[in-house]
Amino acid sequence: MFSPQGPSLRELCAQALSSVERGYDLLAPKFDHTPFRTPESILGATADALSELGPFRDGLDVCCGTGAGMPVLRSACQGRITGVDFSAGMLAQARSAHPDATWVRADARALPFAESFDLAVTFGALGHFLPTERPALFEGVYRALRPGGLLAFPIGAPPHPGSVSHWVTLGFDLAMRVRNAVWRPPFVMYYRTSPLSAVRDDLTAAGFTTTAIDLTALGRHRDGSPRCRLILACKPADPH
């Protein structure tokens, strides 16, 4: 799962026993050599789907990490592209890889933007927010978008019950709950706390109109359902 350039077991343990912010500061130099980075296949499928909806003017990557989503924004946007994250270590890596972008350190639950962007994306970040925190995240993105702006993010279908992936994600989440019950500070990262129905409800409550596109390039399950969808949450052109 990890390349030779990735973190050691000792480094992963140090991260897991830290806060989310400190953990990602520690992991940042080697993050792109871990399976936690969003795969190029998902980034490419997202970029292809957005190419049919744009072009957009200014773009924002929420919880940008080391900047893996910047090429997606660059291909979809004609104006400036900005990444926001609360890990200084991750932002340092992103700034080095993409010096042409703007980088902002901030908590995604309190985004410091108002009607500044036409497109917002986020990749693999929802598991870092408890269900009670998602409304603040989506409300902040809503404020950051101009009228008619779009929030887009891929979300994978849940593993089928009984599959290896089902038991792996269930076991991971249970282990994290035990860890957070006995160790402080907590490290929030769960795979099973963002079901599509709940995410859609939170987006609607924030004011978005939500649709989804099947990312068929990423394959389908045996029953024909897509393995991954791109959620498209649109801020009304005239929110008043």
C-alpha atoms as a PDB file:
ATOM      1  CA  MET A   1       0.000   0.000   0.000  1.00  0.00           C
ATOM      2  CA  PHE A   2       2.925   2.339   0.662  1.00  0.00           C
ATOM      3  CA  SER A   3       5.829   3.133  -1.613  1.00  0.00           C
ATOM      4  CA  PRO A   4       9.401   3.066  -0.269  1.00  0.00           C
ATOM      5  CA  GLN A   5       9.188   6.866  -0.040  1.00  0.00           C
ATOM      6  CA  GLY A   6       6.131   6.653   2.214  1.00  0.00           C
ATOM      7  CA  PRO A   7       5.958   6.927   6.000  1.00  0.00           C
ATOM      8  CA  SER A   8       7.243   4.215   8.304  1.00  0.00           C
ATOM      9  CA  LEU A   9       4.993   2.361  10.756  1.00  0.00           C
ATOM     10  CA  ARG A  10       6.479   4.453  13.556  1.00  0.00           C
ATOM     11  CA  GLU A  11       5.660   7.668  11.722  1.00  0.00           C
ATOM     12  CA  LEU A  12       2.089   6.497  11.062  1.00  0.00           C
ATOM     13  CA  CYS A  13       1.637   5.677  14.741  1.00  0.00           C
ATOM     14  CA  ALA A  14       2.903   9.131  15.730  1.00  0.00           C
ATOM     15  CA  GLN A  15       0.392  10.675  13.343  1.00  0.00           C
ATOM     16  CA  ALA A  16      -2.475   8.522  14.602  1.00  0.00           C
ATOM     17  CA  LEU A  17      -1.818   9.586  18.202  1.00  0.00           C
ATOM     18  CA  SER A  18      -1.814  13.289  17.295  1.00  0.00           C
ATOM     19  CA  SER A  19      -4.591  15.744  16.566  1.00  0.00           C
ATOM     20  CA  VAL A  20      -5.807  15.928  12.960  1.00  0.00           C
ATOM     21  CA  GLU A  21      -3.858  19.150  12.339  1.00  0.00           C
ATOM     22  CA  ARG A  22      -0.631  17.967  13.962  1.00  0.00           C
ATOM     23  CA  GLY A  23      -0.969  14.536  12.382  1.00  0.00           C
ATOM     24  CA  TYR A  24      -1.125  15.961   8.888  1.00  0.00           C
ATOM     25  CA  ASP A  25       1.724  18.358   9.607  1.00  0.00           C
ATOM     26  CA  LEU A  26       3.819  15.278  10.433  1.00  0.00           C
ATOM     27  CA  LEU A  27       2.623  13.269   7.436  1.00  0.00           C
ATOM     28  CA  ALA A  28       2.797  16.103   4.885  1.00  0.00           C
ATOM     29  CA  PRO A  29       6.308  15.479   3.450  1.00  0.00           C
ATOM     30  CA  LYS A  30       5.409  11.875   2.588  1.00  0.00           C
ATOM     31  CA  PHE A  31       1.640  12.164   2.107  1.00  0.00           C
ATOM     32  CA  ASP A  32       1.753  11.866  -1.687  1.00  0.00           C
ATOM     33  CA  HIS A  33       3.416   8.458  -1.287  1.00  0.00           C
ATOM     34  CA  THR A  34       0.520   7.014   0.730  1.00  0.00           C
ATOM     35  CA  PRO A  35      -2.822   5.480  -0.341  1.00  0.00           C
ATOM     36  CA  PHE A  36      -4.562   8.369   1.448  1.00  0.00           C
ATOM     37  CA  ARG A  37      -3.890  10.718  -1.464  1.00  0.00           C
ATOM     38  CA  THR A  38      -6.829  10.937  -3.879  1.00  0.00           C
ATOM     39  CA  PRO A  39      -6.063   8.604  -6.816  1.00  0.00           C
ATOM     40  CA  GLU A  40      -5.389  10.125 -10.212  1.00  0.00           C
ATOM     41  CA  SER A  41      -8.283   8.105 -11.636  1.00  0.00           C
ATOM     42  CA  ILE A  42     -10.774   9.985  -9.411  1.00  0.00           C
ATOM     43  CA  LEU A  43      -9.166  13.345 -10.117  1.00  0.00           C
ATOM     44  CA  GLY A  44      -9.219  12.684 -13.854  1.00  0.00           C
ATOM     45  CA  ALA A  45     -12.844  11.544 -13.866  1.00  0.00           C
ATOM     46  CA  THR A  46     -13.831  14.657 -11.901  1.00  0.00           C
ATOM     47  CA  ALA A  47     -11.956  16.923 -14.299  1.00  0.00           C
ATOM     48  CA  ASP A  48     -13.630  15.277 -17.300  1.00  0.00           C
ATOM     49  CA  ALA A  49     -17.093  15.734 -15.787  1.00  0.00           C
ATOM     50  CA  LEU A  50     -16.459  19.387 -14.905  1.00  0.00           C
ATOM     51  CA  SER A  51     -15.197  20.088 -18.421  1.00  0.00           C
ATOM     52  CA  GLU A  52     -18.770  19.516 -19.611  1.00  0.00           C
ATOM     53  CA  LEU A  53     -20.107  22.102 -17.125  1.00  0.00           C
ATOM     54  CA  GLY A  54     -17.558  24.915 -17.354  1.00  0.00           C
ATOM     55  CA  PRO A  55     -15.544  26.852 -17.924  1.00  0.00           C
ATOM     56  CA  PHE A  56     -15.603  28.550 -14.547  1.00  0.00           C
ATOM     57  CA  ARG A  57     -13.800  31.687 -13.464  1.00  0.00           C
ATOM     58  CA  ASP A  58     -12.258  31.352  -9.974  1.00  0.00           C
ATOM     59  CA  GLY A  59     -11.868  28.033  -8.143  1.00  0.00           C
ATOM     60  CA  LEU A  60     -11.388  26.879  -4.557  1.00  0.00           C
ATOM     61  CA  ASP A  61     -10.127  23.532  -3.249  1.00  0.00           C
ATOM     62  CA  VAL A  62     -11.468  22.998   0.279  1.00  0.00           C
ATOM     63  CA  CYS A  63      -9.186  20.901   2.506  1.00  0.00           C
ATOM     64  CA  CYS A  64      -6.653  20.947  -0.306  1.00  0.00           C
ATOM     65  CA  GLY A  65      -3.916  18.957   1.426  1.00  0.00           C
ATOM     66  CA  THR A  66      -0.792  18.824  -0.719  1.00  0.00           C
ATOM     67  CA  GLY A  67      -2.663  20.233  -3.712  1.00  0.00           C
ATOM     68  CA  ALA A  68      -3.687  17.102  -5.599  1.00  0.00           C
ATOM     69  CA  GLY A  69      -6.890  18.823  -6.711  1.00  0.00           C
ATOM     70  CA  MET A  70      -5.160  21.842  -8.229  1.00  0.00           C
ATOM     71  CA  PRO A  71      -4.866  20.332 -11.734  1.00  0.00           C
ATOM     72  CA  VAL A  72      -8.643  19.739 -11.637  1.00  0.00           C
ATOM     73  CA  LEU A  73      -9.264  23.407 -10.832  1.00  0.00           C
ATOM     74  CA  ARG A  74      -6.677  24.550 -13.363  1.00  0.00           C
ATOM     75  CA  SER A  75      -8.382  22.608 -16.138  1.00  0.00           C
ATOM     76  CA  ALA A  76     -11.859  23.882 -15.200  1.00  0.00           C
ATOM     77  CA  CYS A  77     -11.154  27.516 -14.254  1.00  0.00           C
ATOM     78  CA  GLN A  78      -9.990  30.461 -16.307  1.00  0.00           C
ATOM     79  CA  GLY A  79      -9.190  32.715 -13.337  1.00  0.00           C
ATOM     80  CA  ARG A  80      -7.339  32.277 -10.065  1.00  0.00           C
ATOM     81  CA  ILE A  81      -7.249  29.005  -8.151  1.00  0.00           C
ATOM     82  CA  THR A  82      -6.999  28.843  -4.365  1.00  0.00           C
ATOM     83  CA  GLY A  83      -6.428  26.070  -1.847  1.00  0.00           C
ATOM     84  CA  VAL A  84      -7.442  26.195   1.804  1.00  0.00           C
ATOM     85  CA  ASP A  85      -6.326  23.826   4.577  1.00  0.00           C
ATOM     86  CA  PHE A  86      -5.615  24.081   8.295  1.00  0.00           C
ATOM     87  CA  SER A  87      -2.355  22.102   8.168  1.00  0.00           C
ATOM     88  CA  ALA A  88       0.678  24.318   7.679  1.00  0.00           C
ATOM     89  CA  GLY A  89       2.711  21.278   6.682  1.00  0.00           C
ATOM     90  CA  MET A  90       0.310  20.264   3.933  1.00  0.00           C
ATOM     91  CA  LEU A  91       0.132  23.836   2.633  1.00  0.00           C
ATOM     92  CA  ALA A  92       3.922  24.014   2.486  1.00  0.00           C
ATOM     93  CA  GLN A  93       3.981  20.951   0.235  1.00  0.00           C
ATOM     94  CA  ALA A  94       1.148  22.343  -1.894  1.00  0.00           C
ATOM     95  CA  ARG A  95       2.842  25.718  -2.289  1.00  0.00           C
ATOM     96  CA  SER A  96       6.040  24.022  -3.431  1.00  0.00           C
ATOM     97  CA  ALA A  97       4.207  21.877  -5.996  1.00  0.00           C
ATOM     98  CA  HIS A  98       1.895  24.621  -7.303  1.00  0.00           C
ATOM     99  CA  PRO A  99       3.528  28.043  -6.854  1.00  0.00           C
ATOM    100  CA  ASP A 100       1.035  29.661  -9.243  1.00  0.00           C
ATOM    101  CA  ALA A 101      -1.925  29.067  -6.887  1.00  0.00           C
ATOM    102  CA  THR A 102      -3.043  31.040  -3.838  1.00  0.00           C
ATOM    103  CA  TRP A 103      -2.854  29.262  -0.478  1.00  0.00           C
ATOM    104  CA  VAL A 104      -4.849  30.099   2.643  1.00  0.00           C
ATOM    105  CA  ARG A 105      -4.523  28.516   6.067  1.00  0.00           C
ATOM    106  CA  ALA A 106      -7.948  28.289   7.701  1.00  0.00           C
ATOM    107  CA  ASP A 107     -10.381  25.882   9.340  1.00  0.00           C
ATOM    108  CA  ALA A 108     -12.871  24.629   6.738  1.00  0.00           C
ATOM    109  CA  ARG A 109     -15.614  24.909   9.362  1.00  0.00           C
ATOM    110  CA  ALA A 110     -15.125  28.697   9.306  1.00  0.00           C
ATOM    111  CA  LEU A 111     -14.048  29.593   5.765  1.00  0.00           C
ATOM    112  CA  PRO A 112     -12.908  33.243   5.460  1.00  0.00           C
ATOM    113  CA  PHE A 113     -14.477  33.920   2.044  1.00  0.00           C
ATOM    114  CA  ALA A 114     -17.611  35.677   0.816  1.00  0.00           C
ATOM    115  CA  GLU A 115     -18.885  35.275  -2.770  1.00  0.00           C
ATOM    116  CA  SER A 116     -15.330  34.902  -4.091  1.00  0.00           C
ATOM    117  CA  PHE A 117     -15.473  31.737  -6.215  1.00  0.00           C
ATOM    118  CA  ASP A 118     -17.470  30.140  -9.021  1.00  0.00           C
ATOM    119  CA  LEU A 119     -16.360  26.553  -8.416  1.00  0.00           C
ATOM    120  CA  ALA A 120     -15.393  24.735  -5.223  1.00  0.00           C
ATOM    121  CA  VAL A 121     -14.113  21.172  -5.021  1.00  0.00           C
ATOM    122  CA  THR A 122     -13.037  18.897  -2.216  1.00  0.00           C
ATOM    123  CA  PHE A 123     -11.501  15.432  -2.318  1.00  0.00           C
ATOM    124  CA  GLY A 124     -11.528  12.841   0.448  1.00  0.00           C
ATOM    125  CA  ALA A 125     -12.203  15.319   3.235  1.00  0.00           C
ATOM    126  CA  LEU A 126     -15.708  14.495   4.480  1.00  0.00           C
ATOM    127  CA  GLY A 127     -14.452  11.772   6.811  1.00  0.00           C
ATOM    128  CA  HIS A 128     -12.605  14.418   8.810  1.00  0.00           C
ATOM    129  CA  PHE A 129     -15.874  16.089   9.819  1.00  0.00           C
ATOM    130  CA  LEU A 130     -18.314  14.672  12.311  1.00  0.00           C
ATOM    131  CA  PRO A 131     -21.934  14.691  11.112  1.00  0.00           C
ATOM    132  CA  THR A 132     -22.625  17.626  13.433  1.00  0.00           C
ATOM    133  CA  GLU A 133     -19.829  19.599  11.730  1.00  0.00           C
ATOM    134  CA  ARG A 134     -20.915  19.109   8.113  1.00  0.00           C
ATOM    135  CA  PRO A 135     -23.518  21.920   8.214  1.00  0.00           C
ATOM    136  CA  ALA A 136     -20.827  24.484   9.100  1.00  0.00           C
ATOM    137  CA  LEU A 137     -18.617  23.155   6.305  1.00  0.00           C
ATOM    138  CA  PHE A 138     -21.341  23.384   3.654  1.00  0.00           C
ATOM    139  CA  GLU A 139     -22.641  26.742   4.894  1.00  0.00           C
ATOM    140  CA  GLY A 140     -19.113  28.141   4.623  1.00  0.00           C
ATOM    141  CA  VAL A 141     -18.712  26.880   1.060  1.00  0.00           C
ATOM    142  CA  TYR A 142     -22.139  28.332   0.209  1.00  0.00           C
ATOM    143  CA  ARG A 143     -20.998  31.757   1.453  1.00  0.00           C
ATOM    144  CA  ALA A 144     -17.718  31.445  -0.449  1.00  0.00           C
ATOM    145  CA  LEU A 145     -19.463  30.847  -3.784  1.00  0.00           C
ATOM    146  CA  ARG A 146     -20.875  33.547  -5.988  1.00  0.00           C
ATOM    147  CA  PRO A 147     -24.545  33.211  -7.009  1.00  0.00           C
ATOM    148  CA  GLY A 148     -24.775  30.367  -9.506  1.00  0.00           C
ATOM    149  CA  GLY A 149     -21.555  28.847  -8.156  1.00  0.00           C
ATOM    150  CA  LEU A 150     -20.980  25.098  -7.918  1.00  0.00           C
ATOM    151  CA  LEU A 151     -19.586  22.785  -5.247  1.00  0.00           C
ATOM    152  CA  ALA A 152     -18.425  19.459  -6.714  1.00  0.00           C
ATOM    153  CA  PHE A 153     -16.949  16.421  -4.997  1.00  0.00           C
ATOM    154  CA  PRO A 154     -16.750  12.680  -5.687  1.00  0.00           C
ATOM    155  CA  ILE A 155     -18.310  10.287  -3.233  1.00  0.00           C
ATOM    156  CA  GLY A 156     -17.887   6.530  -3.415  1.00  0.00           C
ATOM    157  CA  ALA A 157     -20.701   4.046  -3.075  1.00  0.00           C
ATOM    158  CA  PRO A 158     -20.663   2.182   0.245  1.00  0.00           C
ATOM    159  CA  PRO A 159     -19.086  -1.278   0.081  1.00  0.00           C
ATOM    160  CA  HIS A 160     -21.570  -4.087  -0.294  1.00  0.00           C
ATOM    161  CA  PRO A 161     -22.375  -5.818   3.023  1.00  0.00           C
ATOM    162  CA  GLY A 162     -20.202  -8.876   3.464  1.00  0.00           C
ATOM    163  CA  SER A 163     -17.454  -7.643   1.140  1.00  0.00           C
ATOM    164  CA  VAL A 164     -13.865  -7.298   2.317  1.00  0.00           C
ATOM    165  CA  SER A 165     -14.099  -3.510   1.921  1.00  0.00           C
ATOM    166  CA  HIS A 166     -17.212  -3.454   4.105  1.00  0.00           C
ATOM    167  CA  TRP A 167     -15.452  -5.200   6.977  1.00  0.00           C
ATOM    168  CA  VAL A 168     -12.238  -3.194   6.541  1.00  0.00           C
ATOM    169  CA  THR A 169     -14.019   0.171   6.733  1.00  0.00           C
ATOM    170  CA  LEU A 170     -16.227  -1.015   9.592  1.00  0.00           C
ATOM    171  CA  GLY A 171     -13.175  -2.223  11.511  1.00  0.00           C
ATOM    172  CA  PHE A 172     -11.284   1.009  10.852  1.00  0.00           C
ATOM    173  CA  ASP A 173     -14.146   3.164  12.101  1.00  0.00           C
ATOM    174  CA  LEU A 174     -14.579   1.038  15.216  1.00  0.00           C
ATOM    175  CA  ALA A 175     -10.856   1.263  15.937  1.00  0.00           C
ATOM    176  CA  MET A 176     -10.969   5.051  15.546  1.00  0.00           C
ATOM    177  CA  ARG A 177     -13.924   5.300  17.920  1.00  0.00           C
ATOM    178  CA  VAL A 178     -12.047   3.292  20.540  1.00  0.00           C
ATOM    179  CA  ARG A 179      -8.903   5.384  20.002  1.00  0.00           C
ATOM    180  CA  ASN A 180     -10.838   8.631  20.398  1.00  0.00           C
ATOM    181  CA  ALA A 181     -12.616   7.347  23.502  1.00  0.00           C
ATOM    182  CA  VAL A 182      -9.366   6.635  25.336  1.00  0.00           C
ATOM    183  CA  TRP A 183      -6.869   9.116  23.858  1.00  0.00           C
ATOM    184  CA  ARG A 184      -6.749  12.876  23.545  1.00  0.00           C
ATOM    185  CA  PRO A 185      -6.605  14.872  21.367  1.00  0.00           C
ATOM    186  CA  PRO A 186      -9.043  13.076  19.049  1.00  0.00           C
ATOM    187  CA  PHE A 187      -8.151  12.205  15.476  1.00  0.00           C
ATOM    188  CA  VAL A 188     -11.311  12.509  13.384  1.00  0.00           C
ATOM    189  CA  MET A 189     -11.232  10.236  10.349  1.00  0.00           C
ATOM    190  CA  TYR A 190     -14.128   7.919   9.586  1.00  0.00           C
ATOM    191  CA  TYR A 191     -15.243   6.130   6.432  1.00  0.00           C
ATOM    192  CA  ARG A 192     -18.867   5.480   7.320  1.00  0.00           C
ATOM    193  CA  THR A 193     -20.175   8.781   8.706  1.00  0.00           C
ATOM    194  CA  SER A 194     -21.030  10.490   5.402  1.00  0.00           C
ATOM    195  CA  PRO A 195     -23.765   8.478   3.655  1.00  0.00           C
ATOM    196  CA  LEU A 196     -25.036  10.059   0.457  1.00  0.00           C
ATOM    197  CA  SER A 197     -28.539  10.667   1.809  1.00  0.00           C
ATOM    198  CA  ALA A 198     -27.247  12.556   4.862  1.00  0.00           C
ATOM    199  CA  VAL A 199     -24.798  14.588   2.789  1.00  0.00           C
ATOM    200  CA  ARG A 200     -27.570  15.581   0.395  1.00  0.00           C
ATOM    201  CA  ASP A 201     -29.798  16.609   3.299  1.00  0.00           C
ATOM    202  CA  ASP A 202     -27.039  18.816   4.732  1.00  0.00           C
ATOM    203  CA  LEU A 203     -26.377  20.409   1.338  1.00  0.00           C
ATOM    204  CA  THR A 204     -30.071  21.165   0.886  1.00  0.00           C
ATOM    205  CA  ALA A 205     -30.255  22.666   4.377  1.00  0.00           C
ATOM    206  CA  ALA A 206     -27.319  24.938   3.489  1.00  0.00           C
ATOM    207  CA  GLY A 207     -29.247  26.266   0.480  1.00  0.00           C
ATOM    208  CA  PHE A 208     -27.823  24.180  -2.373  1.00  0.00           C
ATOM    209  CA  THR A 209     -29.707  22.457  -5.156  1.00  0.00           C
ATOM    210  CA  THR A 210     -28.082  19.046  -5.488  1.00  0.00           C
ATOM    211  CA  THR A 211     -27.721  16.574  -8.345  1.00  0.00           C
ATOM    212  CA  ALA A 212     -25.210  13.814  -9.094  1.00  0.00           C
ATOM    213  CA  ILE A 213     -23.327  12.439 -12.092  1.00  0.00           C
ATOM    214  CA  ASP A 214     -22.266   8.795 -12.321  1.00  0.00           C
ATOM    215  CA  LEU A 215     -18.505   8.632 -12.837  1.00  0.00           C
ATOM    216  CA  THR A 216     -18.773   5.612 -15.105  1.00  0.00           C
ATOM    217  CA  ALA A 217     -15.075   5.704 -15.975  1.00  0.00           C
ATOM    218  CA  LEU A 218     -14.425   4.427 -12.442  1.00  0.00           C
ATOM    219  CA  GLY A 219     -16.498   1.309 -13.007  1.00  0.00           C
ATOM    220  CA  ARG A 220     -19.728  -0.217 -11.778  1.00  0.00           C
ATOM    221  CA  HIS A 221     -20.718  -2.832  -9.224  1.00  0.00           C
ATOM    222  CA  ARG A 222     -22.158  -6.159 -10.330  1.00  0.00           C
ATOM    223  CA  ASP A 223     -25.678  -4.783  -9.909  1.00  0.00           C
ATOM    224  CA  GLY A 224     -24.886  -1.968 -12.354  1.00  0.00           C
ATOM    225  CA  SER A 225     -24.683   0.812  -9.780  1.00  0.00           C
ATOM    226  CA  PRO A 226     -21.714   3.201 -10.131  1.00  0.00           C
ATOM    227  CA  ARG A 227     -18.721   2.829  -7.852  1.00  0.00           C
ATOM    228  CA  CYS A 228     -18.449   6.592  -7.572  1.00  0.00           C
ATOM    229  CA  ARG A 229     -20.659   9.627  -8.191  1.00  0.00           C
ATOM    230  CA  LEU A 230     -19.803  13.294  -8.545  1.00  0.00           C
ATOM    231  CA  ILE A 231     -22.028  15.379  -6.297  1.00  0.00           C
ATOM    232  CA  LEU A 232     -22.966  18.742  -7.841  1.00  0.00           C
ATOM    233  CA  ALA A 233     -24.346  21.291  -5.373  1.00  0.00           C
ATOM    234  CA  CYS A 234     -25.394  24.550  -7.012  1.00  0.00           C
ATOM    235  CA  LYS A 235     -25.922  27.849  -5.238  1.00  0.00           C
ATOM    236  CA  PRO A 236     -28.984  29.539  -6.760  1.00  0.00           C
ATOM    237  CA  ALA A 237     -28.196  32.285  -9.239  1.00  0.00           C
ATOM    238  CA  ASP A 238     -30.507  34.555  -7.258  1.00  0.00           C
ATOM    239  CA  PRO A 239     -30.328  33.302  -3.656  1.00  0.00           C
ATOM    240  CA  HIS A 240     -32.775  35.969  -2.487  1.00  0.00           C
END
